[in-house]
Protein backbone atom coordinates (compact mmCIF):
# COMPACT_ATOMS: atom_id res chain seq x y z
CA MET A 1 36.97 -174.17 41.06
CA LEU A 2 37.10 -175.96 44.34
CA ILE A 3 34.95 -179.05 45.16
CA SER A 4 34.71 -179.25 49.06
CA ASN A 5 33.23 -181.65 51.42
CA ALA A 6 33.16 -184.51 49.01
CA VAL A 7 33.90 -188.25 49.48
CA VAL A 8 36.44 -188.73 46.78
CA CYS A 9 36.37 -192.19 45.40
CA ASP A 10 38.63 -193.77 42.82
CA ILE A 11 40.53 -196.87 42.43
CA ASN A 12 42.46 -196.22 45.43
CA GLY A 13 39.55 -196.11 47.65
CA GLU A 14 37.69 -193.33 49.51
CA ARG A 15 39.00 -190.40 51.35
CA ASN A 16 37.40 -187.17 52.52
CA VAL A 17 39.45 -184.25 50.78
CA ASP A 18 38.92 -181.02 48.60
CA VAL A 19 39.67 -180.98 45.11
CA ARG A 20 40.83 -177.92 42.96
CA VAL A 21 40.09 -177.81 39.45
CA GLU A 22 41.55 -175.28 36.86
CA ASP A 23 41.07 -175.38 33.08
CA GLY A 24 39.71 -178.98 33.34
CA ILE A 25 42.83 -180.20 35.18
CA ILE A 26 43.12 -181.46 38.78
CA THR A 27 45.69 -179.05 40.29
CA GLU A 28 45.41 -179.63 43.89
CA ILE A 29 43.97 -182.25 46.41
CA GLY A 30 44.08 -181.61 50.22
CA GLU A 31 42.13 -180.56 53.27
CA ASN A 32 40.50 -177.17 54.08
CA LEU A 33 41.49 -175.65 50.78
CA LEU A 34 40.38 -172.21 50.10
CA ALA A 35 38.87 -170.59 46.82
CA ASP A 36 36.34 -167.94 45.80
CA ASP A 37 34.69 -170.36 43.56
CA VAL A 38 33.56 -173.40 45.77
CA ILE A 39 30.97 -176.12 45.00
CA ASP A 40 30.02 -177.79 48.29
CA ALA A 41 29.39 -181.58 47.66
CA LYS A 42 27.63 -181.83 51.01
CA GLY A 43 29.05 -185.31 51.43
CA ALA A 44 28.39 -186.65 48.05
CA TYR A 45 30.76 -188.98 46.24
CA LEU A 46 33.14 -187.29 43.75
CA LEU A 47 33.68 -190.12 41.19
CA PRO A 48 35.53 -190.17 37.64
CA SER A 49 32.92 -190.31 34.97
CA LEU A 50 32.17 -193.75 33.73
CA PHE A 51 33.08 -195.51 30.50
CA ASP A 52 30.84 -197.87 28.53
CA LEU A 53 32.34 -199.76 25.67
CA ASN A 54 29.07 -201.28 24.18
CA VAL A 55 26.64 -198.57 23.31
CA ARG A 56 24.28 -198.84 20.30
CA LEU A 57 22.16 -196.15 18.79
CA GLN A 58 18.32 -195.98 18.40
CA ASP A 59 17.31 -198.77 16.17
CA ALA A 60 20.98 -199.34 15.39
CA GLN A 61 20.75 -196.49 12.87
CA LEU A 62 24.04 -194.42 12.55
CA ASN A 63 22.97 -190.72 12.25
CA SER A 64 23.69 -187.37 13.92
CA LYS A 65 20.39 -187.22 15.66
CA ASN A 66 20.84 -190.64 17.39
CA ILE A 67 24.47 -189.81 18.31
CA LYS A 68 23.47 -186.62 19.92
CA ALA A 69 20.56 -188.39 21.76
CA ILE A 70 23.24 -190.85 23.17
CA ALA A 71 25.59 -188.20 24.35
CA GLN A 72 22.41 -186.55 26.28
CA GLU A 73 21.58 -189.90 27.85
CA ALA A 74 25.08 -190.59 28.86
CA LYS A 75 25.62 -187.35 30.50
CA LYS A 76 22.55 -187.69 32.60
CA GLY A 77 23.69 -191.16 33.84
CA GLY A 78 27.09 -190.06 34.72
CA VAL A 79 28.75 -191.81 31.73
CA GLY A 80 31.60 -189.44 30.24
CA HIS A 81 33.03 -191.74 27.69
CA VAL A 82 31.19 -194.13 25.40
CA VAL A 83 32.25 -196.19 22.45
CA LEU A 84 29.55 -196.95 19.79
CA ASN A 85 29.11 -200.43 18.64
CA ALA A 86 30.18 -200.89 15.02
CA ASP A 87 27.09 -203.13 14.37
CA SER A 88 25.05 -200.43 13.07
CA THR A 89 23.29 -199.30 9.89
CA PRO A 90 25.24 -198.31 7.94
CA ALA A 91 28.05 -200.32 9.67
CA ILE A 92 31.49 -198.51 10.17
CA ASP A 93 33.16 -200.76 7.82
CA ASP A 94 34.46 -198.28 5.34
CA GLU A 95 35.86 -194.80 5.15
CA VAL A 96 32.66 -193.22 3.97
CA ALA A 97 30.61 -194.46 7.18
CA LEU A 98 33.52 -193.56 9.36
CA GLU A 99 33.68 -190.08 7.96
CA PHE A 100 30.09 -189.59 8.40
CA ALA A 101 30.17 -190.81 12.16
CA GLN A 102 33.23 -188.62 12.88
CA ASN A 103 31.40 -185.50 11.48
CA SER A 104 28.40 -186.35 13.53
CA ILE A 105 30.47 -186.44 16.78
CA LYS A 106 32.90 -183.57 16.44
CA ASP A 107 30.68 -181.04 17.94
CA ILE A 108 29.78 -182.88 21.13
CA ASP A 109 31.89 -181.64 23.88
CA ASP A 110 30.52 -182.77 27.16
CA VAL A 111 30.64 -186.60 26.51
CA LYS A 112 33.45 -188.32 24.57
CA ILE A 113 32.46 -190.56 21.78
CA ASP A 114 34.61 -193.00 20.27
CA LEU A 115 34.07 -195.43 17.37
CA MET A 116 34.79 -199.17 16.86
CA LEU A 117 35.15 -200.51 13.47
CA ASN A 118 33.26 -203.59 12.10
CA SER A 119 35.91 -206.12 10.77
CA LEU A 120 33.23 -207.92 8.72
CA LYS A 121 31.34 -206.38 5.87
CA GLU A 122 27.73 -207.54 4.98
CA ASP A 123 28.97 -210.26 2.74
CA MET A 124 31.29 -211.53 5.59
CA THR A 125 34.36 -210.51 3.61
CA LEU A 126 37.09 -208.27 5.59
CA SER A 127 36.76 -204.59 5.79
CA ASN A 128 39.77 -202.21 5.55
CA ILE A 129 40.94 -202.72 9.16
CA ALA A 130 44.33 -200.84 8.67
CA ILE A 131 42.79 -197.77 7.08
CA LEU A 132 40.01 -197.44 9.56
CA LEU A 133 42.25 -197.91 12.60
CA LYS A 134 44.66 -195.15 11.16
CA LYS A 135 41.72 -192.84 10.55
CA GLY A 136 40.66 -192.99 14.31
CA THR A 137 38.61 -195.92 15.26
CA VAL A 138 39.86 -197.28 18.71
CA ALA A 139 39.25 -201.05 18.14
CA PRO A 140 38.02 -203.64 15.61
CA TYR A 141 34.77 -205.59 16.39
CA MET A 142 34.08 -209.03 15.21
CA SER A 143 31.31 -211.68 15.69
CA THR A 144 32.55 -215.19 15.58
CA ILE A 145 30.18 -215.91 12.81
CA ALA A 146 33.30 -215.35 10.97
CA LYS A 147 35.01 -218.26 9.38
CA ASN A 148 38.18 -219.38 10.64
CA HIS A 149 40.45 -218.04 7.78
CA ILE A 150 38.78 -214.57 8.23
CA ALA A 151 39.19 -214.65 12.08
CA ILE A 152 42.90 -215.35 11.65
CA LYS A 153 43.27 -212.47 9.21
CA ILE A 154 41.54 -210.07 11.68
CA ALA A 155 43.83 -211.41 14.39
CA GLU A 156 46.98 -210.53 12.37
CA TYR A 157 45.82 -206.94 11.88
CA VAL A 158 45.08 -206.87 15.64
CA GLN A 159 48.77 -208.18 16.27
CA MET A 160 50.11 -205.59 13.82
CA TYR A 161 48.56 -202.54 15.28
CA GLY A 162 48.64 -203.59 19.00
CA VAL A 163 44.92 -202.88 19.72
CA THR A 164 42.40 -205.03 21.56
CA LEU A 165 39.83 -207.00 19.47
CA PHE A 166 36.39 -206.65 20.71
CA CYS A 167 34.67 -210.10 20.10
CA LYS A 168 31.21 -211.27 20.21
CA ALA A 169 31.00 -215.03 20.77
CA GLU A 170 28.17 -216.46 18.93
CA ASP A 171 27.32 -219.33 16.58
CA ASN A 172 25.29 -218.43 13.60
CA SER A 173 23.81 -221.98 13.07
CA LEU A 174 22.52 -221.88 16.81
CA ILE A 175 21.13 -218.14 17.19
CA SER A 176 19.44 -218.12 13.71
CA SER A 177 16.05 -219.28 14.96
CA GLY A 178 16.33 -218.63 18.72
CA VAL A 179 14.96 -215.52 20.59
CA MET A 180 15.81 -216.29 24.00
CA LEU A 181 17.92 -218.66 26.28
CA GLU A 182 17.02 -222.43 25.62
CA GLY A 183 15.54 -223.66 28.74
CA ASP A 184 12.52 -224.14 30.87
CA ILE A 185 11.34 -220.50 30.36
CA SER A 186 11.53 -220.77 26.59
CA SER A 187 9.77 -224.16 26.53
CA ARG A 188 6.83 -222.84 28.68
CA LEU A 189 6.54 -219.78 26.39
CA GLY A 190 6.85 -221.95 23.31
CA LEU A 191 9.64 -219.82 21.86
CA ALA A 192 12.74 -220.92 19.99
CA GLY A 193 15.88 -221.13 22.32
CA ILE A 194 19.39 -220.13 21.96
CA PRO A 195 21.75 -222.77 23.80
CA GLU A 196 24.32 -221.64 26.14
CA LEU A 197 26.94 -223.46 23.80
CA SER A 198 26.39 -220.77 21.17
CA GLU A 199 28.79 -218.58 23.29
CA VAL A 200 31.00 -221.09 25.19
CA LEU A 201 32.14 -222.82 21.94
CA HIS A 202 33.35 -219.58 20.37
CA VAL A 203 34.85 -218.15 23.43
CA SER A 204 37.10 -221.46 23.53
CA ARG A 205 37.89 -221.12 19.88
CA MET A 206 38.93 -217.36 20.26
CA ILE A 207 41.07 -218.22 23.18
CA GLU A 208 43.20 -220.38 21.12
CA ILE A 209 43.44 -217.67 18.51
CA ALA A 210 44.50 -215.13 21.20
CA ARG A 211 47.03 -217.67 22.54
CA HIS A 212 48.53 -218.41 19.10
CA PHE A 213 48.91 -214.80 17.91
CA GLY A 214 49.67 -213.30 21.44
CA ILE A 215 46.77 -210.75 20.94
CA GLU A 216 44.55 -209.13 23.43
CA ILE A 217 40.64 -210.01 23.22
CA LEU A 218 37.77 -208.49 25.18
CA PHE A 219 34.78 -210.77 24.95
CA LYS A 220 31.81 -208.53 24.66
CA ALA A 221 28.58 -208.97 26.87
CA ILE A 222 29.40 -212.59 28.06
CA ALA A 223 26.29 -214.28 29.54
CA SER A 224 27.50 -217.74 30.51
CA PRO A 225 29.53 -218.42 33.77
CA ARG A 226 31.15 -221.37 31.87
CA SER A 227 32.57 -218.73 29.51
CA ILE A 228 34.02 -216.83 32.24
CA GLU A 229 35.59 -220.09 33.68
CA LEU A 230 37.38 -220.63 30.32
CA ILE A 231 38.44 -217.04 30.05
CA THR A 232 39.89 -217.03 33.72
CA LYS A 233 41.74 -220.37 33.16
CA ALA A 234 43.29 -218.86 29.95
CA LYS A 235 44.31 -215.68 31.93
CA ASP A 236 46.03 -217.79 34.55
CA GLU A 237 47.95 -219.30 31.50
CA GLY A 238 49.03 -215.95 30.31
CA VAL A 239 46.64 -215.48 27.57
CA LYS A 240 45.51 -211.86 27.04
CA VAL A 241 41.73 -212.43 27.13
CA SER A 242 39.21 -210.47 29.27
CA CYS A 243 35.35 -210.38 29.66
CA GLU A 244 32.66 -207.89 29.72
CA VAL A 245 29.18 -208.56 31.41
CA SER A 246 26.21 -206.42 31.48
CA LEU A 247 24.37 -205.20 34.40
CA HIS A 248 21.27 -206.93 33.22
CA HIS A 249 22.80 -210.50 33.15
CA LEU A 250 23.86 -209.81 36.54
CA ILE A 251 20.40 -208.82 37.91
CA HIS A 252 17.90 -210.32 35.65
CA SER A 253 17.16 -214.09 34.62
CA ASP A 254 15.34 -215.42 31.62
CA GLU A 255 12.39 -215.23 34.00
CA ALA A 256 12.10 -211.59 33.00
CA CYS A 257 10.84 -212.81 29.56
CA GLU A 258 7.64 -214.11 31.32
CA GLY A 259 4.49 -212.71 29.82
CA PHE A 260 6.34 -212.24 26.60
CA ASN A 261 7.99 -209.16 27.94
CA THR A 262 10.03 -207.77 24.84
CA THR A 263 12.10 -205.44 26.99
CA ALA A 264 13.83 -208.62 28.42
CA LYS A 265 14.62 -209.84 24.84
CA LEU A 266 18.37 -208.97 24.93
CA ASP A 267 21.34 -210.00 22.83
CA PRO A 268 22.91 -212.00 24.27
CA PRO A 269 19.85 -213.60 25.99
CA LEU A 270 19.34 -213.26 29.70
CA ALA A 271 20.81 -216.47 31.57
CA SER A 272 18.92 -218.83 34.04
CA ARG A 273 18.49 -217.94 37.61
CA LYS A 274 21.26 -220.30 38.67
CA ASP A 275 23.56 -218.68 36.08
CA VAL A 276 22.73 -215.13 37.54
CA ARG A 277 23.61 -216.27 41.03
CA GLU A 278 26.93 -217.66 39.45
CA LEU A 279 27.71 -214.47 37.51
CA GLN A 280 27.30 -212.44 40.87
CA GLU A 281 29.84 -214.79 42.60
CA VAL A 282 32.14 -214.65 39.81
CA LEU A 283 31.91 -210.48 39.92
CA LYS A 284 32.78 -211.08 43.74
CA ARG A 285 35.68 -212.99 42.99
CA GLY A 286 37.09 -210.45 40.60
CA ASP A 287 36.81 -212.48 37.44
CA ILE A 288 34.67 -209.98 35.52
CA ASP A 289 36.91 -207.26 33.82
CA THR A 290 34.59 -204.68 32.70
CA LEU A 291 30.86 -203.68 33.01
CA THR A 292 28.43 -202.34 30.57
CA LEU A 293 24.84 -201.09 30.53
CA LEU A 294 24.31 -202.86 27.09
CA HIS A 295 22.20 -199.93 26.08
CA GLN A 296 20.17 -200.99 22.88
CA PRO A 297 17.47 -198.53 22.28
CA ASN A 298 14.67 -199.10 20.04
CA SER A 299 11.55 -197.22 18.86
CA PRO A 300 8.21 -198.70 20.00
CA LEU A 301 7.45 -199.77 16.47
CA ASN A 302 10.23 -202.43 16.84
CA LYS A 303 9.54 -203.36 20.59
CA GLU A 304 5.82 -203.32 20.92
CA VAL A 305 5.18 -206.31 18.81
CA ALA A 306 5.07 -210.08 19.07
CA PHE A 307 8.18 -211.41 21.09
CA TYR A 308 9.53 -213.26 18.16
CA ASP A 309 9.50 -210.21 15.95
CA ALA A 310 10.68 -207.65 18.52
CA ALA A 311 13.93 -206.04 18.21
CA TYR A 312 16.63 -207.09 20.82
CA GLY A 313 17.71 -204.46 23.50
CA CYS A 314 16.61 -202.28 26.33
CA GLU A 315 17.61 -198.80 27.47
CA ALA A 316 19.85 -198.04 30.68
CA LEU A 317 22.20 -195.19 29.88
CA SER A 318 20.54 -192.36 31.42
CA ASP A 319 20.20 -194.15 34.69
CA ALA A 320 23.62 -195.61 34.75
CA LEU A 321 25.20 -194.57 37.84
CA PRO A 322 22.18 -194.79 39.94
CA LEU A 323 21.46 -198.32 38.58
CA TYR A 324 25.21 -199.66 39.27
CA TYR A 325 25.04 -198.17 42.72
CA THR A 326 21.66 -199.36 43.81
CA LYS A 327 21.86 -202.99 42.12
CA LEU A 328 25.69 -203.72 42.76
CA VAL A 329 27.20 -201.33 45.45
CA LYS A 330 24.28 -200.63 47.87
CA SER A 331 23.34 -204.48 47.69
CA GLY A 332 27.01 -205.39 48.80
CA ILE A 333 28.07 -207.20 45.81
CA ILE A 334 31.06 -204.76 45.16
CA THR A 335 32.30 -201.55 46.69
CA MET A 336 32.17 -198.13 44.99
CA SER A 337 36.00 -198.27 44.34
CA GLU A 338 35.46 -201.71 42.75
CA LEU A 339 32.66 -200.04 40.54
CA VAL A 340 35.26 -197.41 39.52
CA ARG A 341 37.79 -200.04 38.39
CA LEU A 342 35.20 -202.16 36.49
CA ALA A 343 33.34 -199.06 34.80
CA VAL A 344 36.15 -196.67 34.46
CA LYS A 345 39.87 -197.80 34.70
CA ASN A 346 39.42 -201.26 32.89
CA PRO A 347 37.36 -200.23 30.04
CA ALA A 348 39.35 -197.12 29.48
CA GLY A 349 42.44 -199.37 29.30
CA PHE A 350 41.01 -201.51 26.51
CA ILE A 351 41.04 -198.41 24.36
CA GLN A 352 44.40 -197.37 25.43
CA LYS A 353 43.38 -194.55 27.84
CA GLU A 354 43.97 -193.74 31.34
CA ALA A 355 41.29 -193.12 33.65
CA GLY A 356 39.96 -194.15 37.08
CA GLU A 357 42.28 -192.08 39.43
CA ILE A 358 41.53 -188.72 40.92
CA SER A 359 45.00 -187.20 41.33
CA VAL A 360 46.86 -183.94 40.59
CA GLY A 361 47.64 -183.66 36.89
CA GLN A 362 44.74 -185.80 35.84
CA SER A 363 41.85 -184.54 33.67
CA ALA A 364 38.76 -183.55 35.52
CA ASP A 365 36.19 -185.74 34.02
CA LEU A 366 34.32 -186.10 37.24
CA VAL A 367 30.65 -186.22 38.57
CA LEU A 368 29.23 -185.57 41.94
CA PHE A 369 26.92 -188.37 43.06
CA ASP A 370 24.38 -187.85 45.95
CA THR A 371 23.33 -191.20 47.17
CA THR A 372 20.95 -189.50 49.74
CA LYS A 373 18.56 -188.78 46.88
CA LYS A 374 16.16 -191.49 45.38
CA TYR A 375 14.04 -191.49 42.33
CA ARG A 376 11.56 -193.85 40.40
CA VAL A 377 12.82 -195.03 36.88
CA SER A 378 10.17 -193.87 34.20
CA ASN A 379 11.11 -195.60 31.08
CA PRO A 380 9.16 -198.32 29.42
CA GLN A 381 12.01 -199.66 27.64
CA SER A 382 13.90 -200.15 30.84
CA LEU A 383 14.04 -203.55 32.60
CA TYR A 384 14.01 -201.34 35.86
CA ASN A 385 10.89 -199.24 35.06
CA GLU A 386 8.95 -198.15 37.85
CA GLU A 387 11.82 -199.26 40.18
CA SER A 388 13.21 -196.87 43.02
CA VAL A 389 16.87 -196.26 42.47
CA ASP A 390 19.32 -194.25 44.74
CA GLY A 391 21.45 -191.53 43.60
CA GLU A 392 21.46 -188.13 41.81
CA VAL A 393 24.26 -187.43 39.21
CA ARG A 394 25.71 -183.89 38.85
CA VAL A 395 28.40 -183.33 36.22
CA ILE A 396 31.17 -181.04 37.29
């Protein structure tokens, strides 16, 4: 198969070349190549398919039906590889749950699905991290609600196995009653707020654990510019810490919660308008390491209720590449090549995979993306519902 007339874009930039694919491998790249089986890209982008390391299942329920739905949505959005969040029901914290999840994904071919393990059991004791890593999970996940002695034991396992710790920075005593960011909007709506310090305090704590043990930590779905400032400073000092930020936190502020809009009830909560502007500047400076759609779908039963009672999360996976392109690339915040770095190469690296480069010998996990096409998002559980976005995804 030959893909011709494409704008090939990867971490090395853009170029107009033809790409030959045989048995799922890129075998030749050049100009004016010939073949019998030709796909005419007609000027569309040829991109590596996206990665997302922070995908939740419908209502956080771990079952075969929900996993298959995630695969379908990912494929539609140009996402070829997802890692399911371990914070599910049942949680992936023992061998039985892991085996069940692995059996549910083994027949899914067109989207790669990996699993992270939950380092903490429901009673806040340690899960069997060693066994779960040996049996195929790609990374341990922990919330900083863990006590210090438990967090240190987790760090020792991470050090032993040389994996990246996926860490959600939050303070149990500060998040327990809050439902959105503490600030002017929460006060006006009469809703209990979660202070920014809930995240910042524990980012600082985990940086010191990373420094002490020499381990790598990826902070999941960071919402505070101050947290990223701390992470960037630690990087400069040689500490192996990185940050993930969701598209929603780069685009929407807590003002989206006006009118008690439960679609905007996210975890972590949307930041202030000032912080959104700062996050965009941080992205431009290159201090954000990876992006996520923070896909957290819920049934209407759990969203179409009072704001306080509504489940956290919104949907975006099926519109992934068009949303990234429209909101970040077309708007001039980052280039398409930078998007590939943030949404392919870097996330792949955190699970010890190589991706993001279109070159001879690489696996042909590719998508065509036609930016001349437009459509209107039609999903009541999307923060971008009824918005026009650019781009049509075609899986190779």
